[in-house]
């Protein structure tokens, strides 16, 4: 019995990754999708911004951003934060920061 418990505990793997989920994507139209990739900088953290603004067309009148999803595809300690706009606005500025010496690779979805 002790051997079975040890085997179950030995299989658990902890992965630290920083996905960003804001708002909701349930029954919302996806208005933007981008696979963001930037190479690494030696011994430095890489910081990049992604700016999205909804087009000013009559079909978008009164629509605002309802959900933002940013998946960290490197499964590292990278982070993505909203610095301007976001939920309830028609624009968003997403600041992405990598781990030291690692690349940035996010899959970004925006729903309205």
PDB file of N, CA and C in Angstrom:
ATOM      1  N   UNK A   1       0.815  -1.194   0.000  1.00  0.00           N
ATOM      2  CA  UNK A   1       0.000   0.000   0.000  1.00  0.00           C
ATOM      3  C   UNK A   1       0.860   1.261   0.000  1.00  0.00           C
ATOM      4  N   UNK A   2       1.952   1.241   0.800  1.00  0.00           N
ATOM      5  CA  UNK A   2       2.842   2.396   0.855  1.00  0.00           C
ATOM      6  C   UNK A   2       3.511   2.635  -0.493  1.00  0.00           C
ATOM      7  N   UNK A   3       3.820   1.572  -1.198  1.00  0.00           N
ATOM      8  CA  UNK A   3       4.443   1.700  -2.511  1.00  0.00           C
ATOM      9  C   UNK A   3       3.484   2.342  -3.509  1.00  0.00           C
ATOM     10  N   UNK A   4       2.198   2.020  -3.455  1.00  0.00           N
ATOM     11  CA  UNK A   4       1.209   2.606  -4.359  1.00  0.00           C
ATOM     12  C   UNK A   4       1.039   4.096  -4.100  1.00  0.00           C
ATOM     13  N   UNK A   5       1.032   4.509  -2.839  1.00  0.00           N
ATOM     14  CA  UNK A   5       0.924   5.931  -2.510  1.00  0.00           C
ATOM     15  C   UNK A   5       2.148   6.679  -2.988  1.00  0.00           C
ATOM     16  N   UNK A   6       3.323   6.104  -2.824  1.00  0.00           N
ATOM     17  CA  UNK A   6       4.564   6.739  -3.274  1.00  0.00           C
ATOM     18  C   UNK A   6       4.563   6.917  -4.791  1.00  0.00           C
ATOM     19  N   UNK A   7       4.091   5.951  -5.543  1.00  0.00           N
ATOM     20  CA  UNK A   7       4.050   6.049  -7.000  1.00  0.00           C
ATOM     21  C   UNK A   7       3.093   7.141  -7.450  1.00  0.00           C
ATOM     22  N   UNK A   8       1.951   7.281  -6.775  1.00  0.00           N
ATOM     23  CA  UNK A   8       0.990   8.317  -7.117  1.00  0.00           C
ATOM     24  C   UNK A   8       1.589   9.697  -6.857  1.00  0.00           C
ATOM     25  N   UNK A   9       2.264   9.885  -5.746  1.00  0.00           N
ATOM     26  CA  UNK A   9       2.864  11.165  -5.417  1.00  0.00           C
ATOM     27  C   UNK A   9       4.066  11.484  -6.304  1.00  0.00           C
ATOM     28  N   UNK A  10       4.770  10.493  -6.781  1.00  0.00           N
ATOM     29  CA  UNK A  10       5.949  10.712  -7.610  1.00  0.00           C
ATOM     30  C   UNK A  10       5.581  11.185  -9.018  1.00  0.00           C
ATOM     31  N   UNK A  11       4.361  10.991  -9.456  1.00  0.00           N
ATOM     32  CA  UNK A  11       3.933  11.345 -10.803  1.00  0.00           C
ATOM     33  C   UNK A  11       3.528  12.807 -10.908  1.00  0.00           C
ATOM     34  N   UNK A  12       3.232  13.466  -9.813  1.00  0.00           N
ATOM     35  CA  UNK A  12       2.781  14.855  -9.820  1.00  0.00           C
ATOM     36  C   UNK A  12       3.923  15.762 -10.256  1.00  0.00           C
ATOM     37  N   UNK A  13       3.659  16.603 -11.248  1.00  0.00           N
ATOM     38  CA  UNK A  13       4.646  17.548 -11.758  1.00  0.00           C
ATOM     39  C   UNK A  13       4.067  18.950 -11.628  1.00  0.00           C
ATOM     40  N   UNK A  14       4.830  19.853 -11.060  1.00  0.00           N
ATOM     41  CA  UNK A  14       4.369  21.226 -10.894  1.00  0.00           C
ATOM     42  C   UNK A  14       4.957  22.073 -12.010  1.00  0.00           C
ATOM     43  N   UNK A  15       4.084  22.756 -12.734  1.00  0.00           N
ATOM     44  CA  UNK A  15       4.494  23.630 -13.819  1.00  0.00           C
ATOM     45  C   UNK A  15       3.998  25.031 -13.501  1.00  0.00           C
ATOM     46  N   UNK A  16       4.911  25.997 -13.505  1.00  0.00           N
ATOM     47  CA  UNK A  16       4.528  27.381 -13.253  1.00  0.00           C
ATOM     48  C   UNK A  16       4.404  28.104 -14.582  1.00  0.00           C
ATOM     49  N   UNK A  17       3.223  28.584 -14.861  1.00  0.00           N
ATOM     50  CA  UNK A  17       3.019  29.373 -16.072  1.00  0.00           C
ATOM     51  C   UNK A  17       1.978  30.445 -15.744  1.00  0.00           C
ATOM     52  N   UNK A  18       2.036  31.508 -16.490  1.00  0.00           N
ATOM     53  CA  UNK A  18       1.178  32.650 -16.177  1.00  0.00           C
ATOM     54  C   UNK A  18       0.254  32.950 -17.340  1.00  0.00           C
ATOM     55  N   UNK A  19      -0.878  32.274 -17.372  1.00  0.00           N
ATOM     56  CA  UNK A  19      -1.897  32.593 -18.355  1.00  0.00           C
ATOM     57  C   UNK A  19      -2.714  33.760 -17.815  1.00  0.00           C
ATOM     58  N   UNK A  20      -3.192  34.611 -18.706  1.00  0.00           N
ATOM     59  CA  UNK A  20      -4.021  35.739 -18.295  1.00  0.00           C
ATOM     60  C   UNK A  20      -5.426  35.549 -18.840  1.00  0.00           C
ATOM     61  N   UNK A  21      -6.412  35.527 -17.951  1.00  0.00           N
ATOM     62  CA  UNK A  21      -7.819  35.398 -18.317  1.00  0.00           C
ATOM     63  C   UNK A  21      -8.561  36.576 -17.705  1.00  0.00           C
ATOM     64  N   UNK A  22      -9.179  37.397 -18.526  1.00  0.00           N
ATOM     65  CA  UNK A  22      -9.958  38.540 -18.031  1.00  0.00           C
ATOM     66  C   UNK A  22     -11.298  38.549 -18.741  1.00  0.00           C
ATOM     67  N   UNK A  23     -12.346  38.835 -18.010  1.00  0.00           N
ATOM     68  CA  UNK A  23     -13.671  38.919 -18.625  1.00  0.00           C
ATOM     69  C   UNK A  23     -14.213  37.544 -18.959  1.00  0.00           C
ATOM     70  N   UNK A  24     -14.971  37.481 -20.053  1.00  0.00           N
ATOM     71  CA  UNK A  24     -15.585  36.222 -20.466  1.00  0.00           C
ATOM     72  C   UNK A  24     -15.504  36.066 -21.977  1.00  0.00           C
ATOM     73  N   UNK A  25     -15.454  34.820 -22.400  1.00  0.00           N
ATOM     74  CA  UNK A  25     -15.484  34.522 -23.824  1.00  0.00           C
ATOM     75  C   UNK A  25     -16.739  33.728 -24.192  1.00  0.00           C
ATOM     76  N   UNK A  26     -17.619  33.507 -23.226  1.00  0.00           N
ATOM     77  CA  UNK A  26     -18.822  32.706 -23.436  1.00  0.00           C
ATOM     78  C   UNK A  26     -19.795  33.467 -24.335  1.00  0.00           C
ATOM     79  N   UNK A  27     -20.120  32.876 -25.466  1.00  0.00           N
ATOM     80  CA  UNK A  27     -21.030  33.430 -26.465  1.00  0.00           C
ATOM     81  C   UNK A  27     -20.627  34.843 -26.883  1.00  0.00           C
ATOM     82  N   UNK A  28     -19.344  35.091 -27.009  1.00  0.00           N
ATOM     83  CA  UNK A  28     -18.814  36.363 -27.495  1.00  0.00           C
ATOM     84  C   UNK A  28     -18.094  36.108 -28.812  1.00  0.00           C
ATOM     85  N   UNK A  29     -18.124  37.098 -29.677  1.00  0.00           N
ATOM     86  CA  UNK A  29     -17.438  36.974 -30.962  1.00  0.00           C
ATOM     87  C   UNK A  29     -15.957  37.269 -30.774  1.00  0.00           C
ATOM     88  N   UNK A  30     -15.109  36.406 -31.349  1.00  0.00           N
ATOM     89  CA  UNK A  30     -13.676  36.654 -31.294  1.00  0.00           C
ATOM     90  C   UNK A  30     -13.345  37.713 -32.345  1.00  0.00           C
ATOM     91  N   UNK A  31     -12.788  38.840 -31.912  1.00  0.00           N
ATOM     92  CA  UNK A  31     -12.487  39.932 -32.834  1.00  0.00           C
ATOM     93  C   UNK A  31     -11.007  40.004 -33.170  1.00  0.00           C
ATOM     94  N   UNK A  32     -10.159  39.300 -32.397  1.00  0.00           N
ATOM     95  CA  UNK A  32      -8.723  39.381 -32.646  1.00  0.00           C
ATOM     96  C   UNK A  32      -8.038  38.123 -32.124  1.00  0.00           C
ATOM     97  N   UNK A  33      -7.107  37.600 -32.915  1.00  0.00           N
ATOM     98  CA  UNK A  33      -6.276  36.466 -32.512  1.00  0.00           C
ATOM     99  C   UNK A  33      -4.887  36.699 -33.065  1.00  0.00           C
ATOM    100  N   UNK A  34      -3.881  36.527 -32.227  1.00  0.00           N
ATOM    101  CA  UNK A  34      -2.505  36.724 -32.668  1.00  0.00           C
ATOM    102  C   UNK A  34      -1.586  35.797 -31.894  1.00  0.00           C
ATOM    103  N   UNK A  35      -0.648  35.186 -32.602  1.00  0.00           N
ATOM    104  CA  UNK A  35       0.376  34.348 -31.999  1.00  0.00           C
ATOM    105  C   UNK A  35       1.626  35.214 -31.856  1.00  0.00           C
ATOM    106  N   UNK A  36       1.904  35.679 -30.654  1.00  0.00           N
ATOM    107  CA  UNK A  36       2.986  36.631 -30.405  1.00  0.00           C
ATOM    108  C   UNK A  36       4.263  35.867 -30.083  1.00  0.00           C
ATOM    109  N   UNK A  37       5.320  36.126 -30.858  1.00  0.00           N
ATOM    110  CA  UNK A  37       6.601  35.473 -30.636  1.00  0.00           C
ATOM    111  C   UNK A  37       7.720  36.491 -30.757  1.00  0.00           C
ATOM    112  N   UNK A  38       8.582  36.518 -29.734  1.00  0.00           N
ATOM    113  CA  UNK A  38       9.785  37.339 -29.749  1.00  0.00           C
ATOM    114  C   UNK A  38      10.927  36.482 -29.226  1.00  0.00           C
ATOM    115  N   UNK A  39      12.100  36.642 -29.810  1.00  0.00           N
ATOM    116  CA  UNK A  39      13.255  35.865 -29.379  1.00  0.00           C
ATOM    117  C   UNK A  39      13.750  36.342 -28.019  1.00  0.00           C
ATOM    118  N   UNK A  40      14.624  35.547 -27.429  1.00  0.00           N
ATOM    119  CA  UNK A  40      15.139  35.878 -26.105  1.00  0.00           C
ATOM    120  C   UNK A  40      16.313  36.850 -26.203  1.00  0.00           C
ATOM    121  N   UNK A  41      16.572  37.512 -25.066  1.00  0.00           N
ATOM    122  CA  UNK A  41      17.742  38.365 -24.927  1.00  0.00           C
ATOM    123  C   UNK A  41      18.631  37.729 -23.861  1.00  0.00           C
ATOM    124  N   UNK A  42      19.900  37.639 -24.133  1.00  0.00           N
ATOM    125  CA  UNK A  42      20.829  36.966 -23.242  1.00  0.00           C
ATOM    126  C   UNK A  42      20.893  37.673 -21.888  1.00  0.00           C
ATOM    127  N   UNK A  43      20.597  36.956 -20.823  1.00  0.00           N
ATOM    128  CA  UNK A  43      20.646  37.418 -19.434  1.00  0.00           C
ATOM    129  C   UNK A  43      19.704  38.586 -19.133  1.00  0.00           C
ATOM    130  N   UNK A  44      18.720  38.836 -19.969  1.00  0.00           N
ATOM    131  CA  UNK A  44      17.801  39.958 -19.739  1.00  0.00           C
ATOM    132  C   UNK A  44      16.370  39.477 -19.895  1.00  0.00           C
ATOM    133  N   UNK A  45      15.455  40.214 -19.266  1.00  0.00           N
ATOM    134  CA  UNK A  45      14.027  39.962 -19.466  1.00  0.00           C
ATOM    135  C   UNK A  45      13.577  40.755 -20.675  1.00  0.00           C
ATOM    136  N   UNK A  46      12.775  40.139 -21.506  1.00  0.00           N
ATOM    137  CA  UNK A  46      12.254  40.825 -22.687  1.00  0.00           C
ATOM    138  C   UNK A  46      10.872  41.373 -22.365  1.00  0.00           C
ATOM    139  N   UNK A  47      10.640  42.646 -22.677  1.00  0.00           N
ATOM    140  CA  UNK A  47       9.350  43.291 -22.442  1.00  0.00           C
ATOM    141  C   UNK A  47       8.846  43.834 -23.769  1.00  0.00           C
ATOM    142  N   UNK A  48       7.640  43.441 -24.154  1.00  0.00           N
ATOM    143  CA  UNK A  48       7.028  43.889 -25.407  1.00  0.00           C
ATOM    144  C   UNK A  48       5.573  44.254 -25.135  1.00  0.00           C
ATOM    145  N   UNK A  49       5.042  45.152 -25.956  1.00  0.00           N
ATOM    146  CA  UNK A  49       3.649  45.578 -25.845  1.00  0.00           C
ATOM    147  C   UNK A  49       2.879  45.178 -27.091  1.00  0.00           C
ATOM    148  N   UNK A  50       1.640  44.771 -26.885  1.00  0.00           N
ATOM    149  CA  UNK A  50       0.724  44.473 -27.978  1.00  0.00           C
ATOM    150  C   UNK A  50      -0.448  45.435 -27.837  1.00  0.00           C
ATOM    151  N   UNK A  51      -0.669  46.255 -28.837  1.00  0.00           N
ATOM    152  CA  UNK A  51      -1.757  47.226 -28.799  1.00  0.00           C
ATOM    153  C   UNK A  51      -2.821  46.804 -29.805  1.00  0.00           C
ATOM    154  N   UNK A  52      -4.075  46.744 -29.359  1.00  0.00           N
ATOM    155  CA  UNK A  52      -5.189  46.430 -30.249  1.00  0.00           C
ATOM    156  C   UNK A  52      -6.284  47.459 -30.033  1.00  0.00           C
ATOM    157  N   UNK A  53      -6.830  47.969 -31.129  1.00  0.00           N
ATOM    158  CA  UNK A  53      -7.954  48.892 -31.095  1.00  0.00           C
ATOM    159  C   UNK A  53      -9.011  48.374 -32.061  1.00  0.00           C
ATOM    160  N   UNK A  54     -10.254  48.340 -31.614  1.00  0.00           N
ATOM    161  CA  UNK A  54     -11.327  47.860 -32.490  1.00  0.00           C
ATOM    162  C   UNK A  54     -11.519  48.845 -33.632  1.00  0.00           C
ATOM    163  N   UNK A  55     -11.679  48.352 -34.857  1.00  0.00           N
ATOM    164  CA  UNK A  55     -11.863  49.245 -36.004  1.00  0.00           C
ATOM    165  C   UNK A  55     -13.116  50.108 -35.856  1.00  0.00           C
ATOM    166  N   UNK A  56     -13.016  51.343 -36.318  1.00  0.00           N
ATOM    167  CA  UNK A  56     -14.150  52.278 -36.232  1.00  0.00           C
ATOM    168  C   UNK A  56     -15.029  52.119 -37.463  1.00  0.00           C
ATOM    169  N   UNK A  57     -15.840  51.086 -37.459  1.00  0.00           N
ATOM    170  CA  UNK A  57     -16.799  50.836 -38.542  1.00  0.00           C
ATOM    171  C   UNK A  57     -18.194  50.821 -37.911  1.00  0.00           C
ATOM    172  N   UNK A  58     -19.226  51.073 -38.698  1.00  0.00           N
ATOM    173  CA  UNK A  58     -20.583  51.117 -38.125  1.00  0.00           C
ATOM    174  C   UNK A  58     -21.004  49.838 -37.399  1.00  0.00           C
ATOM    175  N   UNK A  59     -20.513  48.673 -37.827  1.00  0.00           N
ATOM    176  CA  UNK A  59     -20.919  47.432 -37.158  1.00  0.00           C
ATOM    177  C   UNK A  59     -20.316  47.305 -35.757  1.00  0.00           C
ATOM    178  N   UNK A  60     -19.267  48.065 -35.450  1.00  0.00           N
ATOM    179  CA  UNK A  60     -18.649  48.020 -34.123  1.00  0.00           C
ATOM    180  C   UNK A  60     -19.145  49.122 -33.198  1.00  0.00           C
ATOM    181  N   UNK A  61     -20.104  49.908 -33.635  1.00  0.00           N
ATOM    182  CA  UNK A  61     -20.589  51.013 -32.819  1.00  0.00           C
ATOM    183  C   UNK A  61     -21.204  50.487 -31.519  1.00  0.00           C
ATOM    184  N   UNK A  62     -20.693  50.940 -30.401  1.00  0.00           N
ATOM    185  CA  UNK A  62     -21.210  50.527 -29.108  1.00  0.00           C
ATOM    186  C   UNK A  62     -20.638  49.228 -28.576  1.00  0.00           C
ATOM    187  N   UNK A  63     -19.802  48.544 -29.343  1.00  0.00           N
ATOM    188  CA  UNK A  63     -19.211  47.293 -28.878  1.00  0.00           C
ATOM    189  C   UNK A  63     -17.941  47.586 -28.093  1.00  0.00           C
ATOM    190  N   UNK A  64     -17.727  46.819 -27.053  1.00  0.00           N
ATOM    191  CA  UNK A  64     -16.531  46.953 -26.231  1.00  0.00           C
ATOM    192  C   UNK A  64     -15.918  45.574 -26.024  1.00  0.00           C
ATOM    193  N   UNK A  65     -14.706  45.550 -25.547  1.00  0.00           N
ATOM    194  CA  UNK A  65     -14.013  44.291 -25.287  1.00  0.00           C
ATOM    195  C   UNK A  65     -14.641  43.626 -24.072  1.00  0.00           C
ATOM    196  N   UNK A  66     -15.015  42.352 -24.221  1.00  0.00           N
ATOM    197  CA  UNK A  66     -15.657  41.595 -23.148  1.00  0.00           C
ATOM    198  C   UNK A  66     -14.725  40.554 -22.530  1.00  0.00           C
ATOM    199  N   UNK A  67     -13.699  40.130 -23.276  1.00  0.00           N
ATOM    200  CA  UNK A  67     -12.806  39.096 -22.755  1.00  0.00           C
ATOM    201  C   UNK A  67     -11.436  39.151 -23.385  1.00  0.00           C
ATOM    202  N   UNK A  68     -10.423  38.876 -22.582  1.00  0.00           N
ATOM    203  CA  UNK A  68      -9.035  38.831 -23.051  1.00  0.00           C
ATOM    204  C   UNK A  68      -8.418  37.552 -22.513  1.00  0.00           C
ATOM    205  N   UNK A  69      -7.852  36.749 -23.394  1.00  0.00           N
ATOM    206  CA  UNK A  69      -7.162  35.523 -23.008  1.00  0.00           C
ATOM    207  C   UNK A  69      -5.755  35.578 -23.580  1.00  0.00           C
ATOM    208  N   UNK A  70      -4.751  35.371 -22.742  1.00  0.00           N
ATOM    209  CA  UNK A  70      -3.355  35.326 -23.187  1.00  0.00           C
ATOM    210  C   UNK A  70      -2.732  34.069 -22.601  1.00  0.00           C
ATOM    211  N   UNK A  71      -2.464  33.080 -23.464  1.00  0.00           N
ATOM    212  CA  UNK A  71      -1.903  31.805 -23.039  1.00  0.00           C
ATOM    213  C   UNK A  71      -0.396  31.837 -23.190  1.00  0.00           C
ATOM    214  N   UNK A  72       0.329  31.517 -22.131  1.00  0.00           N
ATOM    215  CA  UNK A  72       1.790  31.430 -22.161  1.00  0.00           C
ATOM    216  C   UNK A  72       2.170  30.071 -22.739  1.00  0.00           C
ATOM    217  N   UNK A  73       2.677  30.055 -23.969  1.00  0.00           N
ATOM    218  CA  UNK A  73       3.016  28.801 -24.627  1.00  0.00           C
ATOM    219  C   UNK A  73       4.421  28.313 -24.307  1.00  0.00           C
ATOM    220  N   UNK A  74       5.211  29.091 -23.576  1.00  0.00           N
ATOM    221  CA  UNK A  74       6.535  28.633 -23.142  1.00  0.00           C
ATOM    222  C   UNK A  74       6.448  27.913 -21.801  1.00  0.00           C
ATOM    223  N   UNK A  75       5.307  28.021 -21.105  1.00  0.00           N
ATOM    224  CA  UNK A  75       5.091  27.415 -19.788  1.00  0.00           C
ATOM    225  C   UNK A  75       6.204  27.806 -18.824  1.00  0.00           C
ATOM    226  N   UNK A  76       6.538  29.090 -18.835  1.00  0.00           N
ATOM    227  CA  UNK A  76       7.556  29.628 -17.940  1.00  0.00           C
ATOM    228  C   UNK A  76       6.901  30.658 -17.033  1.00  0.00           C
ATOM    229  N   UNK A  77       7.694  31.489 -16.408  1.00  0.00           N
ATOM    230  CA  UNK A  77       7.160  32.510 -15.522  1.00  0.00           C
ATOM    231  C   UNK A  77       6.847  33.802 -16.247  1.00  0.00           C
ATOM    232  N   UNK A  78       6.621  33.751 -17.548  1.00  0.00           N
ATOM    233  CA  UNK A  78       6.282  34.943 -18.324  1.00  0.00           C
ATOM    234  C   UNK A  78       4.936  35.481 -17.859  1.00  0.00           C
ATOM    235  N   UNK A  79       4.738  36.795 -18.047  1.00  0.00           N
ATOM    236  CA  UNK A  79       3.482  37.401 -17.605  1.00  0.00           C
ATOM    237  C   UNK A  79       2.935  38.317 -18.682  1.00  0.00           C
ATOM    238  N   UNK A  80       1.620  38.483 -18.669  1.00  0.00           N
ATOM    239  CA  UNK A  80       0.934  39.402 -19.573  1.00  0.00           C
ATOM    240  C   UNK A  80      -0.040  40.217 -18.732  1.00  0.00           C
ATOM    241  N   UNK A  81       0.087  41.542 -18.775  1.00  0.00           N
ATOM    242  CA  UNK A  81      -0.747  42.438 -17.974  1.00  0.00           C
ATOM    243  C   UNK A  81      -1.367  43.500 -18.864  1.00  0.00           C
ATOM    244  N   UNK A  82      -2.583  43.897 -18.537  1.00  0.00           N
ATOM    245  CA  UNK A  82      -3.245  44.990 -19.241  1.00  0.00           C
ATOM    246  C   UNK A  82      -2.794  46.291 -18.596  1.00  0.00           C
ATOM    247  N   UNK A  83      -2.221  47.196 -19.402  1.00  0.00           N
ATOM    248  CA  UNK A  83      -1.745  48.478 -18.877  1.00  0.00           C
ATOM    249  C   UNK A  83      -2.667  49.634 -19.243  1.00  0.00           C
ATOM    250  N   UNK A  84      -3.415  49.517 -20.328  1.00  0.00           N
ATOM    251  CA  UNK A  84      -4.385  50.539 -20.725  1.00  0.00           C
ATOM    252  C   UNK A  84      -5.590  49.853 -21.339  1.00  0.00           C
ATOM    253  N   UNK A  85      -6.758  50.477 -21.176  1.00  0.00           N
ATOM    254  CA  UNK A  85      -7.977  49.947 -21.785  1.00  0.00           C
ATOM    255  C   UNK A  85      -8.357  48.618 -21.160  1.00  0.00           C
ATOM    256  N   UNK A  86      -8.825  47.693 -22.013  1.00  0.00           N
ATOM    257  CA  UNK A  86      -9.190  46.359 -21.546  1.00  0.00           C
ATOM    258  C   UNK A  86     -10.692  46.157 -21.525  1.00  0.00           C
ATOM    259  N   UNK A  87     -11.185  45.463 -20.509  1.00  0.00           N
ATOM    260  CA  UNK A  87     -12.592  45.130 -20.391  1.00  0.00           C
ATOM    261  C   UNK A  87     -13.410  46.415 -20.260  1.00  0.00           C
ATOM    262  N   UNK A  88     -14.413  46.559 -21.131  1.00  0.00           N
ATOM    263  CA  UNK A  88     -15.281  47.734 -21.109  1.00  0.00           C
ATOM    264  C   UNK A  88     -14.801  48.863 -21.998  1.00  0.00           C
ATOM    265  N   UNK A  89     -13.657  48.718 -22.622  1.00  0.00           N
ATOM    266  CA  UNK A  89     -13.121  49.716 -23.547  1.00  0.00           C
ATOM    267  C   UNK A  89     -13.075  49.124 -24.952  1.00  0.00           C
ATOM    268  N   UNK A  90     -12.793  49.963 -25.953  1.00  0.00           N
ATOM    269  CA  UNK A  90     -12.665  49.456 -27.319  1.00  0.00           C
ATOM    270  C   UNK A  90     -11.204  49.334 -27.731  1.00  0.00           C
ATOM    271  N   UNK A  91     -10.283  49.396 -26.783  1.00  0.00           N
ATOM    272  CA  UNK A  91      -8.858  49.201 -27.065  1.00  0.00           C
ATOM    273  C   UNK A  91      -8.207  48.529 -25.856  1.00  0.00           C
ATOM    274  N   UNK A  92      -7.024  47.957 -26.090  1.00  0.00           N
ATOM    275  CA  UNK A  92      -6.273  47.331 -25.012  1.00  0.00           C
ATOM    276  C   UNK A  92      -4.784  47.408 -25.330  1.00  0.00           C
ATOM    277  N   UNK A  93      -3.976  47.635 -24.301  1.00  0.00           N
ATOM    278  CA  UNK A  93      -2.527  47.564 -24.398  1.00  0.00           C
ATOM    279  C   UNK A  93      -2.083  46.446 -23.470  1.00  0.00           C
ATOM    280  N   UNK A  94      -1.498  45.401 -24.046  1.00  0.00           N
ATOM    281  CA  UNK A  94      -1.096  44.221 -23.298  1.00  0.00           C
ATOM    282  C   UNK A  94       0.427  44.213 -23.192  1.00  0.00           C
ATOM    283  N   UNK A  95       0.948  44.257 -21.960  1.00  0.00           N
ATOM    284  CA  UNK A  95       2.390  44.257 -21.721  1.00  0.00           C
ATOM    285  C   UNK A  95       2.819  42.839 -21.383  1.00  0.00           C
ATOM    286  N   UNK A  96       3.739  42.296 -22.187  1.00  0.00           N
ATOM    287  CA  UNK A  96       4.214  40.928 -21.998  1.00  0.00           C
ATOM    288  C   UNK A  96       5.673  40.958 -21.554  1.00  0.00           C
ATOM    289  N   UNK A  97       5.984  40.190 -20.520  1.00  0.00           N
ATOM    290  CA  UNK A  97       7.346  40.148 -19.999  1.00  0.00           C
ATOM    291  C   UNK A  97       7.767  38.696 -19.851  1.00  0.00           C
ATOM    292  N   UNK A  98       8.960  38.371 -20.334  1.00  0.00           N
ATOM    293  CA  UNK A  98       9.460  36.999 -20.282  1.00  0.00           C
ATOM    294  C   UNK A  98      10.287  36.769 -19.028  1.00  0.00           C
ATOM    295  N   UNK A  99      10.647  35.521 -18.806  1.00  0.00           N
ATOM    296  CA  UNK A  99      11.638  35.194 -17.787  1.00  0.00           C
ATOM    297  C   UNK A  99      12.999  35.668 -18.271  1.00  0.00           C
ATOM    298  N   UNK A 100      13.939  35.743 -17.357  1.00  0.00           N
ATOM    299  CA  UNK A 100      15.292  36.160 -17.721  1.00  0.00           C
ATOM    300  C   UNK A 100      15.911  35.145 -18.687  1.00  0.00           C
ATOM    301  N   UNK A 101      16.319  35.624 -19.853  1.00  0.00           N
ATOM    302  CA  UNK A 101      16.955  34.776 -20.855  1.00  0.00           C
ATOM    303  C   UNK A 101      16.004  33.883 -21.631  1.00  0.00           C
ATOM    304  N   UNK A 102      14.706  34.086 -21.496  1.00  0.00           N
ATOM    305  CA  UNK A 102      13.724  33.246 -22.192  1.00  0.00           C
ATOM    306  C   UNK A 102      12.993  34.059 -23.256  1.00  0.00           C
ATOM    307  N   UNK A 103      12.393  33.347 -24.204  1.00  0.00           N
ATOM    308  CA  UNK A 103      11.644  34.025 -25.261  1.00  0.00           C
ATOM    309  C   UNK A 103      10.216  34.305 -24.810  1.00  0.00           C
ATOM    310  N   UNK A 104       9.527  35.136 -25.590  1.00  0.00           N
ATOM    311  CA  UNK A 104       8.106  35.415 -25.369  1.00  0.00           C
ATOM    312  C   UNK A 104       7.319  34.661 -26.429  1.00  0.00           C
ATOM    313  N   UNK A 105       6.331  33.891 -25.978  1.00  0.00           N
ATOM    314  CA  UNK A 105       5.446  33.191 -26.915  1.00  0.00           C
ATOM    315  C   UNK A 105       4.059  33.097 -26.274  1.00  0.00           C
ATOM    316  N   UNK A 106       3.176  33.994 -26.692  1.00  0.00           N
ATOM    317  CA  UNK A 106       1.803  34.046 -26.172  1.00  0.00           C
ATOM    318  C   UNK A 106       0.822  33.834 -27.316  1.00  0.00           C
ATOM    319  N   UNK A 107      -0.296  33.229 -27.006  1.00  0.00           N
ATOM    320  CA  UNK A 107      -1.421  33.090 -27.914  1.00  0.00           C
ATOM    321  C   UNK A 107      -2.513  34.008 -27.347  1.00  0.00           C
ATOM    322  N   UNK A 108      -2.814  35.111 -28.044  1.00  0.00           N
ATOM    323  CA  UNK A 108      -3.695  36.155 -27.517  1.00  0.00           C
ATOM    324  C   UNK A 108      -5.038  36.120 -28.255  1.00  0.00           C
ATOM    325  N   UNK A 109      -6.127  36.106 -27.492  1.00  0.00           N
ATOM    326  CA  UNK A 109      -7.483  36.153 -28.029  1.00  0.00           C
ATOM    327  C   UNK A 109      -8.202  37.332 -27.389  1.00  0.00           C
ATOM    328  N   UNK A 110      -8.957  38.087 -28.204  1.00  0.00           N
ATOM    329  CA  UNK A 110      -9.761  39.186 -27.688  1.00  0.00           C
ATOM    330  C   UNK A 110     -11.185  38.994 -28.184  1.00  0.00           C
ATOM    331  N   UNK A 111     -12.151  39.068 -27.245  1.00  0.00           N
ATOM    332  CA  UNK A 111     -13.559  38.851 -27.551  1.00  0.00           C
ATOM    333  C   UNK A 111     -14.366  40.112 -27.296  1.00  0.00           C
ATOM    334  N   UNK A 112     -15.383  40.353 -28.149  1.00  0.00           N
ATOM    335  CA  UNK A 112     -16.256  41.519 -27.969  1.00  0.00           C
ATOM    336  C   UNK A 112     -17.703  41.072 -28.002  1.00  0.00           C
TER     337      UNK A 112
END
